[in-house]
Every structure is written in structure tokens, then in C-alpha cells.
Amino acid sequence: MFTVFRRKVPENIFRLVLNQTLPKNYATITCSYKIPSLIPINVGHNLQALRYKSKKSQKQPPKPAVSESETETESTFEDQVVDKNTKIMQIRVKSLRIDGVLKSGLGIARNKIETLFYESKIRVNGEKLLKKSESVQEGDEIDVIKGPSPTNPDFLNVARVEVLAVTETNPEHITLKIRRCKNLTVENYEQ
């Protein structure tokens, strides 16, 4: 043990510690010199492992009481999820413009959404979008056409955002509850 200890500690401190300890007390050597953490020293059972776990549950404010009607509507939204590609999300937007909702819901940049709009690849409730600044309403289905299905040309692959609920929490932000499906196969729209 002293060979490892001696290599890392200066000679004068090592001699001081060696002269003040007896061979039977080697397990309880104390030294005021700061020892690097990589030195293996037998310290017996003086160490105690601590876990610094955060306690987020104590920091969070209590949740407000929820009425029965709110729990029923939330459960109906969750019941409508049918596959693993569908995800229910809450997003915050500054306005109800379709390009802003698609940006937040699908994670697409606005310039990409603008390109898709000019290529007529955005549909709202099955109809071609005429203005990209059009506002969404509760119950709208916004589809971004990715292309025809490789297995069947009568179907299209789309990314769909369905607006489930609109809540205005404060004047700056509007909270939308949406159902997002990044890969969905639907029947081809009328051309």
C-alpha cells in the first residue's frame, strides 16, 4: 500500500506520515495533504455512498382539480390513438396560422412549409390550401403530402396534424392539443 501512496505524495509528507503511524494502524492513516482520487487507499469502512437525487415532485406546484367533463374529453382523445406512429402533443403557438401550427407540430422549417404550399402539397380537411396564412380551427386535419404510396398508386403518404383542442392561456400564447402522425397512408385526393 505504501508503494502506491509514496509515488504520488511528496517525500517530506510521506516521511512525516510514516514516522507518526504504527504498522498496526495502517488502515486508519489520515493525512491533510490532498490526495488525487485515482490512488487506491484502503480506508476501511469509513466511506458512505451518497446519491444526490433531485426531488422534483416537491418543487412542482399542486395540480388544479379537474372536473369530470375534462377527464372524459381527455380520455376520448387518448382512446382515439390507434398506432405507434401517432402522438398526442400540446404545442404553444403565437397565432393560429397554418404555417405556424405545422412548424410546431411537425418540426418543419417555415421556408420548407412555404415551398410545400407553392407546390400545392398542403391540404386542410381534404381541400387544397389557398392561403398559407389561413387560421386553423378545432377539429381541422392538416395534411402535408409526401408523395404517392410505393405499394399502391391510389394512395398517398402524408404527414397529418389534427387539432383536437384550442386553449388561449394568455394573450401572448395559444395552446393547441394536437394529434400528430408523421407517416400515414390515405386515399388519393381528387385531382
N, C-alpha and C. Protein backbone atom coordinates (compact mmCIF):
# COMPACT_ATOMS: atom_id res chain seq x y z
N MET A 1 0.81 -1.18 0.00
CA MET A 1 0.00 0.00 0.00
C MET A 1 0.86 1.25 0.00
N PHE A 2 1.93 1.26 0.75
CA PHE A 2 2.76 2.45 0.85
C PHE A 2 3.52 2.74 -0.44
N THR A 3 3.71 1.73 -1.28
CA THR A 3 4.42 2.00 -2.53
C THR A 3 3.57 2.87 -3.45
N VAL A 4 2.29 2.60 -3.54
CA VAL A 4 1.41 3.43 -4.37
C VAL A 4 1.29 4.81 -3.75
N PHE A 5 1.13 4.86 -2.44
CA PHE A 5 0.99 6.11 -1.72
C PHE A 5 2.26 6.95 -1.85
N ARG A 6 3.42 6.31 -1.80
CA ARG A 6 4.69 7.02 -1.84
C ARG A 6 4.96 7.65 -3.20
N ARG A 7 4.49 7.01 -4.28
CA ARG A 7 4.73 7.55 -5.62
C ARG A 7 3.99 8.87 -5.85
N LYS A 8 2.85 9.06 -5.25
CA LYS A 8 2.01 10.22 -5.53
C LYS A 8 2.19 11.36 -4.52
N VAL A 9 2.73 11.09 -3.35
CA VAL A 9 2.85 12.10 -2.29
C VAL A 9 4.31 12.54 -2.20
N PRO A 10 4.56 13.84 -2.01
CA PRO A 10 5.95 14.31 -1.86
C PRO A 10 6.66 13.61 -0.70
N GLU A 11 7.97 13.51 -0.81
CA GLU A 11 8.79 12.74 0.12
C GLU A 11 8.67 13.23 1.56
N ASN A 12 8.68 14.54 1.79
CA ASN A 12 8.66 15.04 3.17
C ASN A 12 7.33 14.72 3.86
N ILE A 13 6.22 14.77 3.14
CA ILE A 13 4.93 14.44 3.75
C ILE A 13 4.85 12.94 4.01
N PHE A 14 5.40 12.13 3.10
CA PHE A 14 5.38 10.68 3.28
C PHE A 14 6.15 10.28 4.54
N ARG A 15 7.32 10.86 4.75
CA ARG A 15 8.11 10.52 5.94
C ARG A 15 7.40 10.96 7.22
N LEU A 16 6.74 12.12 7.17
CA LEU A 16 6.01 12.60 8.33
C LEU A 16 4.88 11.64 8.70
N VAL A 17 4.15 11.17 7.71
CA VAL A 17 3.06 10.23 7.98
C VAL A 17 3.61 8.90 8.43
N LEU A 18 4.69 8.43 7.82
CA LEU A 18 5.27 7.14 8.15
C LEU A 18 5.82 7.13 9.57
N ASN A 19 6.44 8.22 10.01
CA ASN A 19 7.01 8.29 11.35
C ASN A 19 5.94 8.36 12.43
N GLN A 20 4.78 8.92 12.13
CA GLN A 20 3.75 9.10 13.15
C GLN A 20 2.77 7.94 13.24
N THR A 21 2.90 6.95 12.38
CA THR A 21 1.96 5.83 12.43
C THR A 21 2.69 4.54 12.75
N LEU A 22 1.98 3.67 13.38
CA LEU A 22 2.49 2.34 13.68
C LEU A 22 1.97 1.37 12.62
N PRO A 23 2.69 0.27 12.38
CA PRO A 23 2.26 -0.68 11.36
C PRO A 23 0.86 -1.24 11.59
N LYS A 24 0.40 -1.34 12.84
CA LYS A 24 -0.93 -1.90 13.08
C LYS A 24 -2.05 -0.92 12.72
N ASN A 25 -1.73 0.36 12.57
CA ASN A 25 -2.76 1.36 12.28
C ASN A 25 -2.73 1.83 10.82
N TYR A 26 -2.19 1.04 9.91
CA TYR A 26 -2.08 1.47 8.52
C TYR A 26 -3.45 1.71 7.88
N ALA A 27 -4.45 1.00 8.33
CA ALA A 27 -5.78 1.15 7.73
C ALA A 27 -6.43 2.48 8.09
N THR A 28 -5.96 3.15 9.15
CA THR A 28 -6.60 4.40 9.59
C THR A 28 -5.68 5.59 9.44
N ILE A 29 -4.83 5.61 8.43
CA ILE A 29 -3.92 6.73 8.20
C ILE A 29 -4.74 7.94 7.76
N THR A 30 -4.46 9.08 8.39
CA THR A 30 -5.10 10.32 7.97
C THR A 30 -4.01 11.28 7.54
N CYS A 31 -4.29 12.05 6.55
CA CYS A 31 -3.29 12.96 6.01
C CYS A 31 -4.01 14.22 5.56
N SER A 32 -3.46 15.38 5.88
CA SER A 32 -4.10 16.63 5.48
C SER A 32 -3.72 17.01 4.05
N TYR A 33 -2.85 16.26 3.41
CA TYR A 33 -2.46 16.52 2.04
C TYR A 33 -3.57 16.05 1.10
N LYS A 34 -3.90 16.85 0.11
CA LYS A 34 -4.96 16.49 -0.83
C LYS A 34 -4.43 15.42 -1.78
N ILE A 35 -4.99 14.21 -1.70
CA ILE A 35 -4.55 13.06 -2.47
C ILE A 35 -5.40 12.97 -3.73
N PRO A 36 -4.79 12.73 -4.88
CA PRO A 36 -5.58 12.56 -6.11
C PRO A 36 -6.55 11.39 -5.96
N SER A 37 -7.69 11.47 -6.63
CA SER A 37 -8.74 10.49 -6.44
C SER A 37 -8.43 9.13 -7.06
N LEU A 38 -7.39 9.00 -7.87
CA LEU A 38 -7.09 7.74 -8.52
C LEU A 38 -6.19 6.83 -7.69
N ILE A 39 -5.75 7.29 -6.51
CA ILE A 39 -4.86 6.48 -5.69
C ILE A 39 -5.70 5.49 -4.89
N PRO A 40 -5.45 4.18 -5.03
CA PRO A 40 -6.21 3.22 -4.23
C PRO A 40 -5.66 3.15 -2.81
N ILE A 41 -6.44 3.58 -1.84
CA ILE A 41 -6.05 3.55 -0.43
C ILE A 41 -7.10 2.77 0.33
N ASN A 42 -6.67 1.87 1.18
CA ASN A 42 -7.57 1.09 1.99
C ASN A 42 -7.98 1.94 3.19
N VAL A 43 -9.23 2.39 3.21
CA VAL A 43 -9.68 3.25 4.29
C VAL A 43 -10.68 2.56 5.19
N GLY A 44 -10.90 1.30 5.02
CA GLY A 44 -11.80 0.57 5.88
C GLY A 44 -13.26 0.85 5.55
N HIS A 45 -14.05 1.01 6.58
CA HIS A 45 -15.48 1.22 6.38
C HIS A 45 -15.90 2.65 6.74
N ASN A 46 -15.04 3.61 6.50
CA ASN A 46 -15.34 4.99 6.84
C ASN A 46 -16.12 5.71 5.73
N LEU A 47 -16.27 5.10 4.55
CA LEU A 47 -16.92 5.77 3.44
C LEU A 47 -18.41 5.43 3.40
N GLN A 48 -19.19 6.44 3.00
CA GLN A 48 -20.61 6.24 2.84
C GLN A 48 -21.01 6.80 1.48
N ALA A 49 -21.66 6.00 0.67
CA ALA A 49 -22.07 6.44 -0.66
C ALA A 49 -23.32 7.31 -0.55
N LEU A 50 -23.31 8.44 -1.24
CA LEU A 50 -24.45 9.35 -1.25
C LEU A 50 -24.97 9.47 -2.66
N ARG A 51 -26.27 9.59 -2.77
CA ARG A 51 -26.89 9.81 -4.07
C ARG A 51 -27.59 11.15 -4.01
N TYR A 52 -27.18 12.03 -4.91
CA TYR A 52 -27.77 13.36 -4.95
C TYR A 52 -28.93 13.36 -5.94
N LYS A 53 -30.05 12.85 -5.49
CA LYS A 53 -31.23 12.73 -6.34
C LYS A 53 -32.08 13.98 -6.19
N SER A 54 -32.51 14.52 -7.32
CA SER A 54 -33.36 15.70 -7.24
C SER A 54 -34.77 15.28 -6.85
N LYS A 55 -35.44 16.14 -6.18
CA LYS A 55 -36.79 15.86 -5.74
C LYS A 55 -37.72 16.85 -6.43
N LYS A 56 -37.99 16.58 -7.69
CA LYS A 56 -38.82 17.48 -8.49
C LYS A 56 -40.25 17.51 -8.00
N SER A 57 -40.72 16.41 -7.44
CA SER A 57 -42.11 16.36 -7.01
C SER A 57 -42.40 17.38 -5.92
N GLN A 58 -41.40 17.72 -5.10
CA GLN A 58 -41.61 18.71 -4.06
C GLN A 58 -41.60 20.12 -4.62
N LYS A 59 -40.91 20.35 -5.73
CA LYS A 59 -40.79 21.68 -6.30
C LYS A 59 -42.00 22.06 -7.14
N GLN A 60 -42.71 21.07 -7.70
CA GLN A 60 -43.82 21.36 -8.58
C GLN A 60 -45.04 21.79 -7.77
N PRO A 61 -45.78 22.78 -8.27
CA PRO A 61 -46.99 23.20 -7.57
C PRO A 61 -48.06 22.12 -7.68
N PRO A 62 -48.99 22.08 -6.75
CA PRO A 62 -50.04 21.05 -6.84
C PRO A 62 -50.91 21.28 -8.06
N LYS A 63 -51.37 20.19 -8.64
CA LYS A 63 -52.20 20.28 -9.85
C LYS A 63 -53.61 20.73 -9.47
N PRO A 64 -54.23 21.56 -10.32
CA PRO A 64 -55.59 22.00 -10.02
C PRO A 64 -56.58 20.85 -10.16
N ALA A 65 -57.70 20.99 -9.48
CA ALA A 65 -58.73 19.96 -9.54
C ALA A 65 -59.31 19.92 -10.95
N VAL A 66 -59.57 18.71 -11.43
CA VAL A 66 -60.07 18.52 -12.78
C VAL A 66 -61.51 18.03 -12.68
N SER A 67 -62.40 18.67 -13.44
CA SER A 67 -63.80 18.26 -13.41
C SER A 67 -63.98 16.97 -14.21
N GLU A 68 -65.16 16.35 -14.05
CA GLU A 68 -65.42 15.08 -14.73
C GLU A 68 -65.48 15.26 -16.24
N SER A 69 -66.03 16.39 -16.70
CA SER A 69 -66.16 16.59 -18.14
C SER A 69 -64.79 16.71 -18.81
N GLU A 70 -63.83 17.35 -18.12
CA GLU A 70 -62.48 17.46 -18.68
C GLU A 70 -61.80 16.10 -18.75
N THR A 71 -61.99 15.27 -17.73
CA THR A 71 -61.36 13.95 -17.76
C THR A 71 -61.97 13.08 -18.84
N GLU A 72 -63.28 13.24 -19.10
CA GLU A 72 -63.92 12.46 -20.15
C GLU A 72 -63.38 12.85 -21.52
N THR A 73 -63.22 14.17 -21.76
CA THR A 73 -62.74 14.59 -23.07
C THR A 73 -61.29 14.18 -23.28
N GLU A 74 -60.48 14.25 -22.21
CA GLU A 74 -59.09 13.83 -22.35
C GLU A 74 -59.00 12.34 -22.63
N SER A 75 -59.85 11.54 -21.97
CA SER A 75 -59.79 10.10 -22.20
C SER A 75 -60.26 9.76 -23.62
N THR A 76 -61.22 10.53 -24.17
CA THR A 76 -61.65 10.24 -25.54
C THR A 76 -60.54 10.54 -26.53
N PHE A 77 -59.74 11.60 -26.28
CA PHE A 77 -58.62 11.89 -27.16
C PHE A 77 -57.60 10.77 -27.11
N GLU A 78 -57.33 10.26 -25.91
CA GLU A 78 -56.33 9.21 -25.78
C GLU A 78 -56.82 7.89 -26.34
N ASP A 79 -58.15 7.67 -26.32
CA ASP A 79 -58.70 6.44 -26.88
C ASP A 79 -58.60 6.41 -28.40
N GLN A 80 -58.54 7.57 -29.03
CA GLN A 80 -58.53 7.63 -30.48
C GLN A 80 -57.16 7.33 -31.08
N VAL A 81 -56.13 7.22 -30.25
CA VAL A 81 -54.80 6.87 -30.75
C VAL A 81 -54.83 5.42 -31.19
N VAL A 82 -54.47 5.17 -32.45
CA VAL A 82 -54.62 3.82 -32.97
C VAL A 82 -53.31 3.11 -33.26
N ASP A 83 -52.22 3.84 -33.50
CA ASP A 83 -50.97 3.15 -33.81
C ASP A 83 -49.80 3.84 -33.14
N LYS A 84 -48.63 3.24 -33.31
CA LYS A 84 -47.44 3.76 -32.63
C LYS A 84 -46.88 5.01 -33.30
N ASN A 85 -47.28 5.30 -34.54
CA ASN A 85 -46.79 6.49 -35.23
C ASN A 85 -47.55 7.74 -34.85
N THR A 86 -48.65 7.60 -34.13
CA THR A 86 -49.49 8.72 -33.74
C THR A 86 -49.10 9.18 -32.34
N LYS A 87 -49.03 10.50 -32.18
CA LYS A 87 -48.65 11.05 -30.88
C LYS A 87 -49.53 12.26 -30.58
N ILE A 88 -50.05 12.32 -29.36
CA ILE A 88 -50.83 13.47 -28.93
C ILE A 88 -49.89 14.42 -28.22
N MET A 89 -49.90 15.68 -28.66
CA MET A 89 -48.96 16.67 -28.13
C MET A 89 -49.71 17.95 -27.77
N GLN A 90 -49.08 18.73 -26.89
CA GLN A 90 -49.55 20.09 -26.63
C GLN A 90 -48.47 21.03 -27.11
N ILE A 91 -48.84 21.94 -28.00
CA ILE A 91 -47.87 22.89 -28.52
C ILE A 91 -48.35 24.30 -28.22
N ARG A 92 -47.40 25.22 -28.13
CA ARG A 92 -47.72 26.62 -27.90
C ARG A 92 -47.33 27.40 -29.15
N VAL A 93 -48.28 28.16 -29.67
CA VAL A 93 -48.04 28.97 -30.85
C VAL A 93 -48.48 30.39 -30.56
N LYS A 94 -47.94 31.33 -31.33
CA LYS A 94 -48.32 32.73 -31.15
C LYS A 94 -49.59 33.08 -31.90
N SER A 95 -49.86 32.37 -32.99
CA SER A 95 -51.09 32.60 -33.75
C SER A 95 -51.58 31.26 -34.29
N LEU A 96 -52.78 31.26 -34.82
CA LEU A 96 -53.38 30.03 -35.34
C LEU A 96 -53.14 29.85 -36.84
N ARG A 97 -52.13 30.52 -37.38
CA ARG A 97 -51.81 30.36 -38.80
C ARG A 97 -51.35 28.93 -39.07
N ILE A 98 -51.71 28.43 -40.23
CA ILE A 98 -51.40 27.04 -40.57
C ILE A 98 -49.90 26.80 -40.64
N ASP A 99 -49.15 27.76 -41.19
CA ASP A 99 -47.71 27.55 -41.28
C ASP A 99 -47.06 27.49 -39.90
N GLY A 100 -47.55 28.25 -38.93
CA GLY A 100 -47.01 28.18 -37.57
C GLY A 100 -47.36 26.89 -36.87
N VAL A 101 -48.59 26.40 -37.09
CA VAL A 101 -49.01 25.14 -36.48
C VAL A 101 -48.22 23.97 -37.06
N LEU A 102 -48.00 23.97 -38.38
CA LEU A 102 -47.21 22.90 -39.00
C LEU A 102 -45.76 22.95 -38.54
N LYS A 103 -45.23 24.14 -38.38
CA LYS A 103 -43.84 24.29 -37.92
C LYS A 103 -43.68 23.67 -36.53
N SER A 104 -44.60 23.99 -35.63
CA SER A 104 -44.50 23.46 -34.27
C SER A 104 -44.92 22.00 -34.19
N GLY A 105 -45.93 21.61 -34.94
CA GLY A 105 -46.45 20.25 -34.84
C GLY A 105 -45.58 19.21 -35.50
N LEU A 106 -45.06 19.52 -36.69
CA LEU A 106 -44.27 18.53 -37.42
C LEU A 106 -42.77 18.79 -37.34
N GLY A 107 -42.37 19.95 -36.85
CA GLY A 107 -40.95 20.27 -36.77
C GLY A 107 -40.35 20.60 -38.12
N ILE A 108 -41.12 21.23 -38.98
CA ILE A 108 -40.66 21.61 -40.32
C ILE A 108 -40.38 23.10 -40.33
N ALA A 109 -39.33 23.53 -41.00
CA ALA A 109 -39.00 24.94 -41.09
C ALA A 109 -40.04 25.68 -41.93
N ARG A 110 -40.21 26.98 -41.64
CA ARG A 110 -41.22 27.77 -42.36
C ARG A 110 -40.92 27.88 -43.86
N ASN A 111 -39.66 27.98 -44.23
CA ASN A 111 -39.35 28.07 -45.66
C ASN A 111 -39.70 26.77 -46.38
N LYS A 112 -39.56 25.63 -45.71
CA LYS A 112 -39.96 24.34 -46.29
C LYS A 112 -41.48 24.28 -46.42
N ILE A 113 -42.20 24.82 -45.42
CA ILE A 113 -43.66 24.86 -45.49
C ILE A 113 -44.11 25.76 -46.63
N GLU A 114 -43.41 26.87 -46.83
CA GLU A 114 -43.73 27.77 -47.93
C GLU A 114 -43.54 27.07 -49.28
N THR A 115 -42.47 26.30 -49.42
CA THR A 115 -42.23 25.54 -50.65
C THR A 115 -43.34 24.51 -50.87
N LEU A 116 -43.74 23.81 -49.80
CA LEU A 116 -44.82 22.84 -49.91
C LEU A 116 -46.13 23.51 -50.31
N PHE A 117 -46.37 24.72 -49.79
CA PHE A 117 -47.59 25.46 -50.13
C PHE A 117 -47.61 25.80 -51.61
N TYR A 118 -46.49 26.29 -52.15
CA TYR A 118 -46.44 26.66 -53.56
C TYR A 118 -46.52 25.44 -54.48
N GLU A 119 -46.14 24.27 -53.97
CA GLU A 119 -46.27 23.03 -54.74
C GLU A 119 -47.65 22.39 -54.56
N SER A 120 -48.54 23.04 -53.81
CA SER A 120 -49.91 22.55 -53.51
C SER A 120 -49.89 21.19 -52.82
N LYS A 121 -48.99 21.03 -51.86
CA LYS A 121 -48.89 19.77 -51.14
C LYS A 121 -49.43 19.86 -49.72
N ILE A 122 -50.17 20.93 -49.41
CA ILE A 122 -50.79 21.07 -48.09
C ILE A 122 -52.30 21.07 -48.29
N ARG A 123 -52.99 20.20 -47.54
CA ARG A 123 -54.45 20.09 -47.61
C ARG A 123 -55.02 20.30 -46.21
N VAL A 124 -56.14 21.02 -46.16
CA VAL A 124 -56.87 21.21 -44.90
C VAL A 124 -58.23 20.57 -45.07
N ASN A 125 -58.52 19.58 -44.26
CA ASN A 125 -59.77 18.81 -44.34
C ASN A 125 -60.01 18.29 -45.76
N GLY A 126 -58.96 17.87 -46.44
CA GLY A 126 -59.06 17.28 -47.77
C GLY A 126 -59.10 18.27 -48.91
N GLU A 127 -59.10 19.57 -48.61
CA GLU A 127 -59.15 20.58 -49.66
C GLU A 127 -57.82 21.30 -49.76
N LYS A 128 -57.50 21.73 -50.98
CA LYS A 128 -56.24 22.43 -51.22
C LYS A 128 -56.23 23.74 -50.44
N LEU A 129 -55.08 24.06 -49.87
CA LEU A 129 -54.93 25.29 -49.10
C LEU A 129 -54.72 26.45 -50.06
N LEU A 130 -55.56 27.50 -49.94
CA LEU A 130 -55.47 28.63 -50.85
C LEU A 130 -54.57 29.74 -50.31
N LYS A 131 -54.55 29.91 -48.98
CA LYS A 131 -53.68 30.92 -48.36
C LYS A 131 -52.91 30.26 -47.23
N LYS A 132 -51.60 30.48 -47.18
CA LYS A 132 -50.82 29.85 -46.11
C LYS A 132 -51.05 30.53 -44.77
N SER A 133 -51.65 31.73 -44.78
CA SER A 133 -51.92 32.43 -43.53
C SER A 133 -53.30 32.10 -42.98
N GLU A 134 -53.97 31.13 -43.56
CA GLU A 134 -55.31 30.75 -43.09
C GLU A 134 -55.22 30.22 -41.66
N SER A 135 -56.25 30.51 -40.86
CA SER A 135 -56.26 30.08 -39.45
C SER A 135 -56.85 28.68 -39.32
N VAL A 136 -56.35 27.96 -38.34
CA VAL A 136 -56.89 26.63 -38.06
C VAL A 136 -57.99 26.75 -37.02
N GLN A 137 -58.86 25.77 -37.00
CA GLN A 137 -59.93 25.71 -36.02
C GLN A 137 -59.90 24.34 -35.37
N GLU A 138 -60.63 24.22 -34.29
CA GLU A 138 -60.69 22.94 -33.60
C GLU A 138 -61.35 21.91 -34.51
N GLY A 139 -60.72 20.76 -34.63
CA GLY A 139 -61.24 19.69 -35.48
C GLY A 139 -60.63 19.64 -36.87
N ASP A 140 -59.79 20.60 -37.24
CA ASP A 140 -59.18 20.61 -38.57
C ASP A 140 -58.12 19.51 -38.69
N GLU A 141 -58.03 18.93 -39.88
CA GLU A 141 -56.98 17.97 -40.21
C GLU A 141 -56.11 18.60 -41.29
N ILE A 142 -54.84 18.79 -40.99
CA ILE A 142 -53.90 19.40 -41.93
C ILE A 142 -52.98 18.29 -42.42
N ASP A 143 -52.97 18.07 -43.74
CA ASP A 143 -52.13 17.03 -44.34
C ASP A 143 -51.03 17.66 -45.17
N VAL A 144 -49.82 17.13 -45.02
CA VAL A 144 -48.70 17.51 -45.87
C VAL A 144 -48.39 16.28 -46.72
N ILE A 145 -48.58 16.41 -48.03
CA ILE A 145 -48.41 15.28 -48.94
C ILE A 145 -46.93 15.03 -49.18
N LYS A 146 -46.50 13.79 -48.88
CA LYS A 146 -45.10 13.42 -49.11
C LYS A 146 -44.91 12.81 -50.50
N GLY A 147 -45.94 12.16 -51.00
CA GLY A 147 -45.86 11.54 -52.32
C GLY A 147 -46.77 10.35 -52.41
N PRO A 148 -46.83 9.71 -53.58
CA PRO A 148 -47.68 8.52 -53.71
C PRO A 148 -47.08 7.34 -52.95
N SER A 149 -47.95 6.45 -52.55
CA SER A 149 -47.51 5.26 -51.84
C SER A 149 -46.73 4.36 -52.80
N PRO A 150 -45.59 3.83 -52.39
CA PRO A 150 -44.81 2.97 -53.30
C PRO A 150 -45.50 1.64 -53.59
N THR A 151 -46.38 1.19 -52.71
CA THR A 151 -47.04 -0.10 -52.93
C THR A 151 -48.31 0.02 -53.75
N ASN A 152 -49.02 1.17 -53.64
CA ASN A 152 -50.28 1.34 -54.36
C ASN A 152 -50.41 2.80 -54.80
N PRO A 153 -50.44 3.08 -56.09
CA PRO A 153 -50.51 4.47 -56.55
C PRO A 153 -51.84 5.16 -56.27
N ASP A 154 -52.86 4.41 -55.83
CA ASP A 154 -54.15 5.03 -55.49
C ASP A 154 -54.12 5.66 -54.10
N PHE A 155 -53.04 5.49 -53.37
CA PHE A 155 -52.93 6.03 -52.01
C PHE A 155 -51.77 7.02 -51.95
N LEU A 156 -51.82 7.89 -50.94
CA LEU A 156 -50.77 8.89 -50.72
C LEU A 156 -50.16 8.70 -49.34
N ASN A 157 -48.87 8.98 -49.23
CA ASN A 157 -48.22 9.07 -47.93
C ASN A 157 -48.26 10.52 -47.49
N VAL A 158 -48.80 10.77 -46.30
CA VAL A 158 -48.93 12.13 -45.80
C VAL A 158 -48.44 12.20 -44.36
N ALA A 159 -48.14 13.42 -43.93
CA ALA A 159 -47.93 13.71 -42.51
C ALA A 159 -49.14 14.52 -42.08
N ARG A 160 -49.80 14.09 -41.01
CA ARG A 160 -51.07 14.72 -40.62
C ARG A 160 -50.97 15.32 -39.23
N VAL A 161 -51.55 16.52 -39.10
CA VAL A 161 -51.72 17.18 -37.81
C VAL A 161 -53.21 17.43 -37.65
N GLU A 162 -53.79 16.90 -36.58
CA GLU A 162 -55.21 17.10 -36.31
C GLU A 162 -55.33 17.94 -35.05
N VAL A 163 -56.05 19.05 -35.14
CA VAL A 163 -56.23 19.95 -34.00
C VAL A 163 -57.37 19.41 -33.15
N LEU A 164 -57.05 19.02 -31.90
CA LEU A 164 -58.06 18.46 -31.01
C LEU A 164 -58.70 19.52 -30.13
N ALA A 165 -57.90 20.46 -29.63
CA ALA A 165 -58.42 21.49 -28.73
C ALA A 165 -57.59 22.75 -28.87
N VAL A 166 -58.24 23.90 -28.71
CA VAL A 166 -57.58 25.20 -28.76
C VAL A 166 -57.86 25.89 -27.43
N THR A 167 -56.78 26.30 -26.73
CA THR A 167 -56.92 26.97 -25.45
C THR A 167 -56.05 28.21 -25.46
N GLU A 168 -56.64 29.35 -25.14
CA GLU A 168 -55.86 30.59 -25.06
C GLU A 168 -55.55 30.84 -23.59
N THR A 169 -54.33 30.50 -23.17
CA THR A 169 -53.95 30.62 -21.76
C THR A 169 -53.62 32.05 -21.39
N ASN A 170 -52.89 32.73 -22.22
CA ASN A 170 -52.59 34.15 -22.01
C ASN A 170 -52.60 34.85 -23.36
N PRO A 171 -52.57 36.18 -23.38
CA PRO A 171 -52.68 36.87 -24.67
C PRO A 171 -51.51 36.62 -25.63
N GLU A 172 -50.36 36.21 -25.11
CA GLU A 172 -49.18 36.01 -25.96
C GLU A 172 -49.15 34.64 -26.64
N HIS A 173 -49.66 33.61 -25.97
CA HIS A 173 -49.54 32.25 -26.50
C HIS A 173 -50.90 31.57 -26.53
N ILE A 174 -51.03 30.70 -27.51
CA ILE A 174 -52.22 29.85 -27.64
C ILE A 174 -51.73 28.41 -27.54
N THR A 175 -52.38 27.63 -26.69
CA THR A 175 -52.00 26.23 -26.53
C THR A 175 -52.93 25.37 -27.37
N LEU A 176 -52.34 24.53 -28.19
CA LEU A 176 -53.11 23.61 -29.04
C LEU A 176 -52.83 22.18 -28.60
N LYS A 177 -53.87 21.39 -28.52
CA LYS A 177 -53.70 19.96 -28.30
C LYS A 177 -53.89 19.32 -29.66
N ILE A 178 -52.85 18.65 -30.14
CA ILE A 178 -52.89 18.10 -31.49
C ILE A 178 -52.57 16.62 -31.47
N ARG A 179 -52.99 15.95 -32.52
CA ARG A 179 -52.58 14.57 -32.76
C ARG A 179 -51.71 14.60 -34.00
N ARG A 180 -50.47 14.16 -33.85
CA ARG A 180 -49.50 14.20 -34.95
C ARG A 180 -49.23 12.79 -35.45
N CYS A 181 -49.24 12.65 -36.75
CA CYS A 181 -48.88 11.38 -37.38
C CYS A 181 -47.93 11.71 -38.52
N LYS A 182 -46.67 11.35 -38.37
CA LYS A 182 -45.68 11.72 -39.38
C LYS A 182 -45.75 10.85 -40.62
N ASN A 183 -46.20 9.62 -40.49
CA ASN A 183 -46.33 8.71 -41.64
C ASN A 183 -47.72 8.10 -41.62
N LEU A 184 -48.51 8.48 -42.60
CA LEU A 184 -49.88 7.98 -42.69
C LEU A 184 -50.20 7.76 -44.16
N THR A 185 -50.88 6.67 -44.46
CA THR A 185 -51.29 6.37 -45.82
C THR A 185 -52.79 6.61 -45.93
N VAL A 186 -53.18 7.49 -46.86
CA VAL A 186 -54.60 7.82 -47.06
C VAL A 186 -54.94 7.65 -48.54
N GLU A 187 -56.26 7.65 -48.81
CA GLU A 187 -56.69 7.58 -50.21
C GLU A 187 -56.30 8.85 -50.93
N ASN A 188 -56.04 8.71 -52.23
CA ASN A 188 -55.62 9.85 -53.04
C ASN A 188 -56.76 10.87 -53.12
N TYR A 189 -56.41 12.15 -52.97
CA TYR A 189 -57.40 13.22 -53.07
C TYR A 189 -57.85 13.36 -54.52
N GLU A 190 -59.02 13.97 -54.70
CA GLU A 190 -59.49 14.23 -56.06
C GLU A 190 -58.57 15.25 -56.70
N GLN A 191 -58.15 15.00 -57.90
CA GLN A 191 -57.17 15.86 -58.57
C GLN A 191 -57.81 17.09 -59.16
